[in-house]
Amino acid sequence: MITIPNAFAPMLLQAVRDAVLYHEGLLRSETIREHERADYEEHHMHLTQFLAFLKEEYVAVEKEAGVPLKDLHV
């Protein structure tokens, strides 16, 4: 198990959100070769599931982290 200080939780959420947004843009672009698309789509799916999981976990440490989830824009 990895233990992350509560103070780093907002940054982790924002980093994963940024990764989701980046991959969404990448999937819309013509940069990806067709034979690679399925791998990128799967990675994007895992990122969105991870972000949803982090949001649920963040609620438990929201006060200690000092930033409400709604203010993170994730």
PDB file of N, CA and C in Angstrom:
ATOM      1  N   MET A   1       0.840  -1.179   0.000  1.00  0.00           N
ATOM      2  CA  MET A   1       0.000   0.000   0.000  1.00  0.00           C
ATOM      3  C   MET A   1       0.885   1.242   0.000  1.00  0.00           C
ATOM      4  N   ILE A   2       0.459   2.226  -0.759  1.00  0.00           N
ATOM      5  CA  ILE A   2       1.164   3.499  -0.822  1.00  0.00           C
ATOM      6  C   ILE A   2       0.431   4.481   0.071  1.00  0.00           C
ATOM      7  N   THR A   3       1.167   5.191   0.877  1.00  0.00           N
ATOM      8  CA  THR A   3       0.579   6.217   1.721  1.00  0.00           C
ATOM      9  C   THR A   3       1.008   7.577   1.185  1.00  0.00           C
ATOM     10  N   ILE A   4       0.030   8.406   0.888  1.00  0.00           N
ATOM     11  CA  ILE A   4       0.292   9.736   0.356  1.00  0.00           C
ATOM     12  C   ILE A   4      -0.180  10.751   1.383  1.00  0.00           C
ATOM     13  N   PRO A   5       0.673  11.720   1.716  1.00  0.00           N
ATOM     14  CA  PRO A   5       0.229  12.742   2.669  1.00  0.00           C
ATOM     15  C   PRO A   5      -1.025  13.455   2.154  1.00  0.00           C
ATOM     16  N   ASN A   6      -1.943  13.755   3.057  1.00  0.00           N
ATOM     17  CA  ASN A   6      -3.192  14.407   2.680  1.00  0.00           C
ATOM     18  C   ASN A   6      -2.946  15.723   1.945  1.00  0.00           C
ATOM     19  N   ALA A   7      -1.867  16.404   2.284  1.00  0.00           N
ATOM     20  CA  ALA A   7      -1.565  17.678   1.629  1.00  0.00           C
ATOM     21  C   ALA A   7      -1.274  17.498   0.140  1.00  0.00           C
ATOM     22  N   PHE A   8      -0.843  16.304  -0.263  1.00  0.00           N
ATOM     23  CA  PHE A   8      -0.549  16.039  -1.678  1.00  0.00           C
ATOM     24  C   PHE A   8      -1.776  15.555  -2.455  1.00  0.00           C
ATOM     25  N   ALA A   9      -2.851  15.235  -1.762  1.00  0.00           N
ATOM     26  CA  ALA A   9      -4.037  14.678  -2.409  1.00  0.00           C
ATOM     27  C   ALA A   9      -4.618  15.605  -3.486  1.00  0.00           C
ATOM     28  N   PRO A  10      -4.739  16.919  -3.241  1.00  0.00           N
ATOM     29  CA  PRO A  10      -5.263  17.777  -4.305  1.00  0.00           C
ATOM     30  C   PRO A  10      -4.395  17.751  -5.565  1.00  0.00           C
ATOM     31  N   MET A  11      -3.080  17.748  -5.375  1.00  0.00           N
ATOM     32  CA  MET A  11      -2.172  17.716  -6.517  1.00  0.00           C
ATOM     33  C   MET A  11      -2.315  16.401  -7.285  1.00  0.00           C
ATOM     34  N   LEU A  12      -2.492  15.310  -6.588  1.00  0.00           N
ATOM     35  CA  LEU A  12      -2.665  14.019  -7.241  1.00  0.00           C
ATOM     36  C   LEU A  12      -3.946  14.006  -8.084  1.00  0.00           C
ATOM     37  N   LEU A  13      -5.028  14.509  -7.519  1.00  0.00           N
ATOM     38  CA  LEU A  13      -6.280  14.582  -8.274  1.00  0.00           C
ATOM     39  C   LEU A  13      -6.125  15.436  -9.530  1.00  0.00           C
ATOM     40  N   GLN A  14      -5.486  16.581  -9.395  1.00  0.00           N
ATOM     41  CA  GLN A  14      -5.322  17.465 -10.540  1.00  0.00           C
ATOM     42  C   GLN A  14      -4.397  16.860 -11.584  1.00  0.00           C
ATOM     43  N   ALA A  15      -3.371  16.145 -11.159  1.00  0.00           N
ATOM     44  CA  ALA A  15      -2.453  15.514 -12.105  1.00  0.00           C
ATOM     45  C   ALA A  15      -3.158  14.430 -12.916  1.00  0.00           C
ATOM     46  N   VAL A  16      -3.973  13.638 -12.247  1.00  0.00           N
ATOM     47  CA  VAL A  16      -4.708  12.583 -12.963  1.00  0.00           C
ATOM     48  C   VAL A  16      -5.756  13.217 -13.877  1.00  0.00           C
ATOM     49  N   ARG A  17      -6.423  14.272 -13.411  1.00  0.00           N
ATOM     50  CA  ARG A  17      -7.374  14.977 -14.265  1.00  0.00           C
ATOM     51  C   ARG A  17      -6.677  15.529 -15.512  1.00  0.00           C
ATOM     52  N   ASP A  18      -5.484  16.103 -15.343  1.00  0.00           N
ATOM     53  CA  ASP A  18      -4.724  16.615 -16.487  1.00  0.00           C
ATOM     54  C   ASP A  18      -4.361  15.490 -17.453  1.00  0.00           C
ATOM     55  N   ALA A  19      -4.023  14.330 -16.915  1.00  0.00           N
ATOM     56  CA  ALA A  19      -3.700  13.180 -17.774  1.00  0.00           C
ATOM     57  C   ALA A  19      -4.935  12.745 -18.563  1.00  0.00           C
ATOM     58  N   VAL A  20      -6.102  12.758 -17.924  1.00  0.00           N
ATOM     59  CA  VAL A  20      -7.345  12.406 -18.618  1.00  0.00           C
ATOM     60  C   VAL A  20      -7.595  13.387 -19.758  1.00  0.00           C
ATOM     61  N   LEU A  21      -7.468  14.673 -19.473  1.00  0.00           N
ATOM     62  CA  LEU A  21      -7.699  15.695 -20.501  1.00  0.00           C
ATOM     63  C   LEU A  21      -6.704  15.569 -21.650  1.00  0.00           C
ATOM     64  N   TYR A  22      -5.447  15.302 -21.321  1.00  0.00           N
ATOM     65  CA  TYR A  22      -4.429  15.130 -22.360  1.00  0.00           C
ATOM     66  C   TYR A  22      -4.782  13.959 -23.272  1.00  0.00           C
ATOM     67  N   HIS A  23      -5.148  12.841 -22.676  1.00  0.00           N
ATOM     68  CA  HIS A  23      -5.475  11.655 -23.475  1.00  0.00           C
ATOM     69  C   HIS A  23      -6.751  11.845 -24.286  1.00  0.00           C
ATOM     70  N   GLU A  24      -7.696  12.607 -23.769  1.00  0.00           N
ATOM     71  CA  GLU A  24      -8.892  12.909 -24.554  1.00  0.00           C
ATOM     72  C   GLU A  24      -8.516  13.692 -25.813  1.00  0.00           C
ATOM     73  N   GLY A  25      -7.625  14.666 -25.656  1.00  0.00           N
ATOM     74  CA  GLY A  25      -7.153  15.423 -26.809  1.00  0.00           C
ATOM     75  C   GLY A  25      -6.377  14.552 -27.772  1.00  0.00           C
ATOM     76  N   LEU A  26      -5.571  13.682 -27.240  1.00  0.00           N
ATOM     77  CA  LEU A  26      -4.783  12.774 -28.068  1.00  0.00           C
ATOM     78  C   LEU A  26      -5.687  11.838 -28.869  1.00  0.00           C
ATOM     79  N   LEU A  27      -6.742  11.354 -28.241  1.00  0.00           N
ATOM     80  CA  LEU A  27      -7.666  10.457 -28.932  1.00  0.00           C
ATOM     81  C   LEU A  27      -8.445  11.182 -30.036  1.00  0.00           C
ATOM     82  N   ARG A  28      -8.653  12.495 -29.870  1.00  0.00           N
ATOM     83  CA  ARG A  28      -9.332  13.280 -30.900  1.00  0.00           C
ATOM     84  C   ARG A  28      -8.396  13.645 -32.058  1.00  0.00           C
ATOM     85  N   SER A  29      -7.103  13.610 -31.809  1.00  0.00           N
ATOM     86  CA  SER A  29      -6.139  14.013 -32.829  1.00  0.00           C
ATOM     87  C   SER A  29      -5.888  12.883 -33.822  1.00  0.00           C
ATOM     88  N   GLU A  30      -5.114  13.177 -34.820  1.00  0.00           N
ATOM     89  CA  GLU A  30      -4.738  12.160 -35.809  1.00  0.00           C
ATOM     90  C   GLU A  30      -3.324  11.649 -35.547  1.00  0.00           C
ATOM     91  N   THR A  31      -2.840  11.866 -34.357  1.00  0.00           N
ATOM     92  CA  THR A  31      -1.480  11.486 -33.984  1.00  0.00           C
ATOM     93  C   THR A  31      -1.318   9.986 -33.786  1.00  0.00           C
ATOM     94  N   ILE A  32      -2.357   9.342 -33.280  1.00  0.00           N
ATOM     95  CA  ILE A  32      -2.280   7.925 -32.931  1.00  0.00           C
ATOM     96  C   ILE A  32      -2.489   7.070 -34.179  1.00  0.00           C
ATOM     97  N   ARG A  33      -1.624   6.095 -34.321  1.00  0.00           N
ATOM     98  CA  ARG A  33      -1.802   5.130 -35.413  1.00  0.00           C
ATOM     99  C   ARG A  33      -2.989   4.234 -35.084  1.00  0.00           C
ATOM    100  N   GLU A  34      -3.688   3.816 -36.107  1.00  0.00           N
ATOM    101  CA  GLU A  34      -4.917   3.039 -35.901  1.00  0.00           C
ATOM    102  C   GLU A  34      -4.665   1.761 -35.099  1.00  0.00           C
ATOM    103  N   HIS A  35      -3.537   1.102 -35.328  1.00  0.00           N
ATOM    104  CA  HIS A  35      -3.269  -0.149 -34.598  1.00  0.00           C
ATOM    105  C   HIS A  35      -2.912   0.102 -33.125  1.00  0.00           C
ATOM    106  N   GLU A  36      -2.665   1.365 -32.748  1.00  0.00           N
ATOM    107  CA  GLU A  36      -2.356   1.708 -31.356  1.00  0.00           C
ATOM    108  C   GLU A  36      -3.575   2.252 -30.606  1.00  0.00           C
ATOM    109  N   ARG A  37      -4.616   2.606 -31.338  1.00  0.00           N
ATOM    110  CA  ARG A  37      -5.770   3.296 -30.756  1.00  0.00           C
ATOM    111  C   ARG A  37      -6.381   2.530 -29.586  1.00  0.00           C
ATOM    112  N   ALA A  38      -6.532   1.239 -29.708  1.00  0.00           N
ATOM    113  CA  ALA A  38      -7.162   0.447 -28.636  1.00  0.00           C
ATOM    114  C   ALA A  38      -6.372   0.547 -27.335  1.00  0.00           C
ATOM    115  N   ASP A  39      -5.056   0.554 -27.424  1.00  0.00           N
ATOM    116  CA  ASP A  39      -4.228   0.689 -26.218  1.00  0.00           C
ATOM    117  C   ASP A  39      -4.447   2.044 -25.552  1.00  0.00           C
ATOM    118  N   TYR A  40      -4.510   3.113 -26.358  1.00  0.00           N
ATOM    119  CA  TYR A  40      -4.733   4.448 -25.818  1.00  0.00           C
ATOM    120  C   TYR A  40      -6.134   4.581 -25.224  1.00  0.00           C
ATOM    121  N   GLU A  41      -7.111   3.971 -25.865  1.00  0.00           N
ATOM    122  CA  GLU A  41      -8.473   4.010 -25.334  1.00  0.00           C
ATOM    123  C   GLU A  41      -8.565   3.267 -24.006  1.00  0.00           C
ATOM    124  N   GLU A  42      -7.878   2.144 -23.914  1.00  0.00           N
ATOM    125  CA  GLU A  42      -7.869   1.388 -22.652  1.00  0.00           C
ATOM    126  C   GLU A  42      -7.179   2.187 -21.547  1.00  0.00           C
ATOM    127  N   HIS A  43      -6.063   2.819 -21.886  1.00  0.00           N
ATOM    128  CA  HIS A  43      -5.343   3.637 -20.905  1.00  0.00           C
ATOM    129  C   HIS A  43      -6.226   4.792 -20.437  1.00  0.00           C
ATOM    130  N   HIS A  44      -6.943   5.409 -21.367  1.00  0.00           N
ATOM    131  CA  HIS A  44      -7.852   6.504 -21.015  1.00  0.00           C
ATOM    132  C   HIS A  44      -8.945   5.997 -20.073  1.00  0.00           C
ATOM    133  N   MET A  45      -9.486   4.828 -20.348  1.00  0.00           N
ATOM    134  CA  MET A  45     -10.508   4.249 -19.486  1.00  0.00           C
ATOM    135  C   MET A  45      -9.955   4.040 -18.070  1.00  0.00           C
ATOM    136  N   HIS A  46      -8.738   3.524 -17.966  1.00  0.00           N
ATOM    137  CA  HIS A  46      -8.138   3.294 -16.647  1.00  0.00           C
ATOM    138  C   HIS A  46      -7.911   4.617 -15.924  1.00  0.00           C
ATOM    139  N   LEU A  47      -7.489   5.638 -16.653  1.00  0.00           N
ATOM    140  CA  LEU A  47      -7.288   6.947 -16.033  1.00  0.00           C
ATOM    141  C   LEU A  47      -8.595   7.501 -15.483  1.00  0.00           C
ATOM    142  N   THR A  48      -9.680   7.385 -16.252  1.00  0.00           N
ATOM    143  CA  THR A  48     -10.958   7.914 -15.775  1.00  0.00           C
ATOM    144  C   THR A  48     -11.474   7.129 -14.569  1.00  0.00           C
ATOM    145  N   GLN A  49     -11.239   5.822 -14.559  1.00  0.00           N
ATOM    146  CA  GLN A  49     -11.635   5.011 -13.397  1.00  0.00           C
ATOM    147  C   GLN A  49     -10.793   5.383 -12.180  1.00  0.00           C
ATOM    148  N   PHE A  50      -9.499   5.611 -12.396  1.00  0.00           N
ATOM    149  CA  PHE A  50      -8.612   6.008 -11.306  1.00  0.00           C
ATOM    150  C   PHE A  50      -9.036   7.366 -10.752  1.00  0.00           C
ATOM    151  N   LEU A  51      -9.393   8.308 -11.622  1.00  0.00           N
ATOM    152  CA  LEU A  51      -9.838   9.621 -11.171  1.00  0.00           C
ATOM    153  C   LEU A  51     -11.114   9.493 -10.340  1.00  0.00           C
ATOM    154  N   ALA A  52     -12.046   8.680 -10.777  1.00  0.00           N
ATOM    155  CA  ALA A  52     -13.286   8.469 -10.016  1.00  0.00           C
ATOM    156  C   ALA A  52     -12.979   7.872  -8.643  1.00  0.00           C
ATOM    157  N   PHE A  53     -12.064   6.910  -8.597  1.00  0.00           N
ATOM    158  CA  PHE A  53     -11.658   6.305  -7.327  1.00  0.00           C
ATOM    159  C   PHE A  53     -11.025   7.348  -6.409  1.00  0.00           C
ATOM    160  N   LEU A  54     -10.124   8.165  -6.962  1.00  0.00           N
ATOM    161  CA  LEU A  54      -9.461   9.191  -6.150  1.00  0.00           C
ATOM    162  C   LEU A  54     -10.451  10.199  -5.592  1.00  0.00           C
ATOM    163  N   LYS A  55     -11.440  10.566  -6.372  1.00  0.00           N
ATOM    164  CA  LYS A  55     -12.461  11.502  -5.894  1.00  0.00           C
ATOM    165  C   LYS A  55     -13.198  10.926  -4.696  1.00  0.00           C
ATOM    166  N   GLU A  56     -13.562   9.657  -4.793  1.00  0.00           N
ATOM    167  CA  GLU A  56     -14.265   9.008  -3.680  1.00  0.00           C
ATOM    168  C   GLU A  56     -13.391   8.980  -2.431  1.00  0.00           C
ATOM    169  N   GLU A  57     -12.123   8.650  -2.607  1.00  0.00           N
ATOM    170  CA  GLU A  57     -11.201   8.588  -1.474  1.00  0.00           C
ATOM    171  C   GLU A  57     -10.913   9.985  -0.909  1.00  0.00           C
ATOM    172  N   TYR A  58     -10.896  10.977  -1.774  1.00  0.00           N
ATOM    173  CA  TYR A  58     -10.573  12.339  -1.351  1.00  0.00           C
ATOM    174  C   TYR A  58     -11.594  12.883  -0.359  1.00  0.00           C
ATOM    175  N   VAL A  59     -12.827  12.514  -0.523  1.00  0.00           N
ATOM    176  CA  VAL A  59     -13.882  12.995   0.369  1.00  0.00           C
ATOM    177  C   VAL A  59     -13.522  12.726   1.834  1.00  0.00           C
ATOM    178  N   ALA A  60     -12.880  11.601   2.098  1.00  0.00           N
ATOM    179  CA  ALA A  60     -12.520  11.228   3.475  1.00  0.00           C
ATOM    180  C   ALA A  60     -11.431  12.125   4.061  1.00  0.00           C
ATOM    181  N   VAL A  61     -10.595  12.734   3.214  1.00  0.00           N
ATOM    182  CA  VAL A  61      -9.475  13.550   3.714  1.00  0.00           C
ATOM    183  C   VAL A  61      -9.605  15.012   3.296  1.00  0.00           C
ATOM    184  N   GLU A  62     -10.757  15.376   2.789  1.00  0.00           N
ATOM    185  CA  GLU A  62     -10.974  16.720   2.253  1.00  0.00           C
ATOM    186  C   GLU A  62     -10.637  17.813   3.275  1.00  0.00           C
ATOM    187  N   LYS A  63     -11.071  17.661   4.497  1.00  0.00           N
ATOM    188  CA  LYS A  63     -10.805  18.684   5.523  1.00  0.00           C
ATOM    189  C   LYS A  63      -9.315  18.780   5.835  1.00  0.00           C
ATOM    190  N   GLU A  64      -8.654  17.626   5.962  1.00  0.00           N
ATOM    191  CA  GLU A  64      -7.227  17.633   6.260  1.00  0.00           C
ATOM    192  C   GLU A  64      -6.411  18.196   5.094  1.00  0.00           C
ATOM    193  N   ALA A  65      -6.882  17.949   3.878  1.00  0.00           N
ATOM    194  CA  ALA A  65      -6.174  18.450   2.695  1.00  0.00           C
ATOM    195  C   ALA A  65      -6.320  19.958   2.573  1.00  0.00           C
ATOM    196  N   GLY A  66      -7.423  20.490   3.083  1.00  0.00           N
ATOM    197  CA  GLY A  66      -7.594  21.930   3.101  1.00  0.00           C
ATOM    198  C   GLY A  66      -8.245  22.532   1.867  1.00  0.00           C
ATOM    199  N   VAL A  67      -8.608  21.703   0.893  1.00  0.00           N
ATOM    200  CA  VAL A  67      -9.238  22.201  -0.329  1.00  0.00           C
ATOM    201  C   VAL A  67     -10.472  21.347  -0.613  1.00  0.00           C
ATOM    202  N   PRO A  68     -11.643  21.986  -0.681  1.00  0.00           N
ATOM    203  CA  PRO A  68     -12.840  21.206  -1.011  1.00  0.00           C
ATOM    204  C   PRO A  68     -12.747  20.615  -2.416  1.00  0.00           C
ATOM    205  N   LEU A  69     -13.297  19.441  -2.598  1.00  0.00           N
ATOM    206  CA  LEU A  69     -13.260  18.769  -3.885  1.00  0.00           C
ATOM    207  C   LEU A  69     -13.838  19.646  -4.990  1.00  0.00           C
ATOM    208  N   LYS A  70     -14.909  20.362  -4.697  1.00  0.00           N
ATOM    209  CA  LYS A  70     -15.543  21.202  -5.716  1.00  0.00           C
ATOM    210  C   LYS A  70     -14.619  22.321  -6.197  1.00  0.00           C
ATOM    211  N   ASP A  71     -13.681  22.732  -5.359  1.00  0.00           N
ATOM    212  CA  ASP A  71     -12.737  23.791  -5.742  1.00  0.00           C
ATOM    213  C   ASP A  71     -11.588  23.292  -6.586  1.00  0.00           C
ATOM    214  N   LEU A  72     -11.444  21.979  -6.698  1.00  0.00           N
ATOM    215  CA  LEU A  72     -10.348  21.407  -7.497  1.00  0.00           C
ATOM    216  C   LEU A  72     -10.697  21.330  -8.965  1.00  0.00           C
ATOM    217  N   HIS A  73     -11.984  21.466  -9.290  1.00  0.00           N
ATOM    218  CA  HIS A  73     -12.442  21.419 -10.701  1.00  0.00           C
ATOM    219  C   HIS A  73     -12.027  20.129 -11.390  1.00  0.00           C
ATOM    220  N   VAL A  74     -12.224  19.022 -10.687  1.00  0.00           N
ATOM    221  CA  VAL A  74     -11.895  17.719 -11.270  1.00  0.00           C
ATOM    222  C   VAL A  74     -13.153  16.921 -11.551  1.00  0.00           C
TER     223      VAL A  74
END
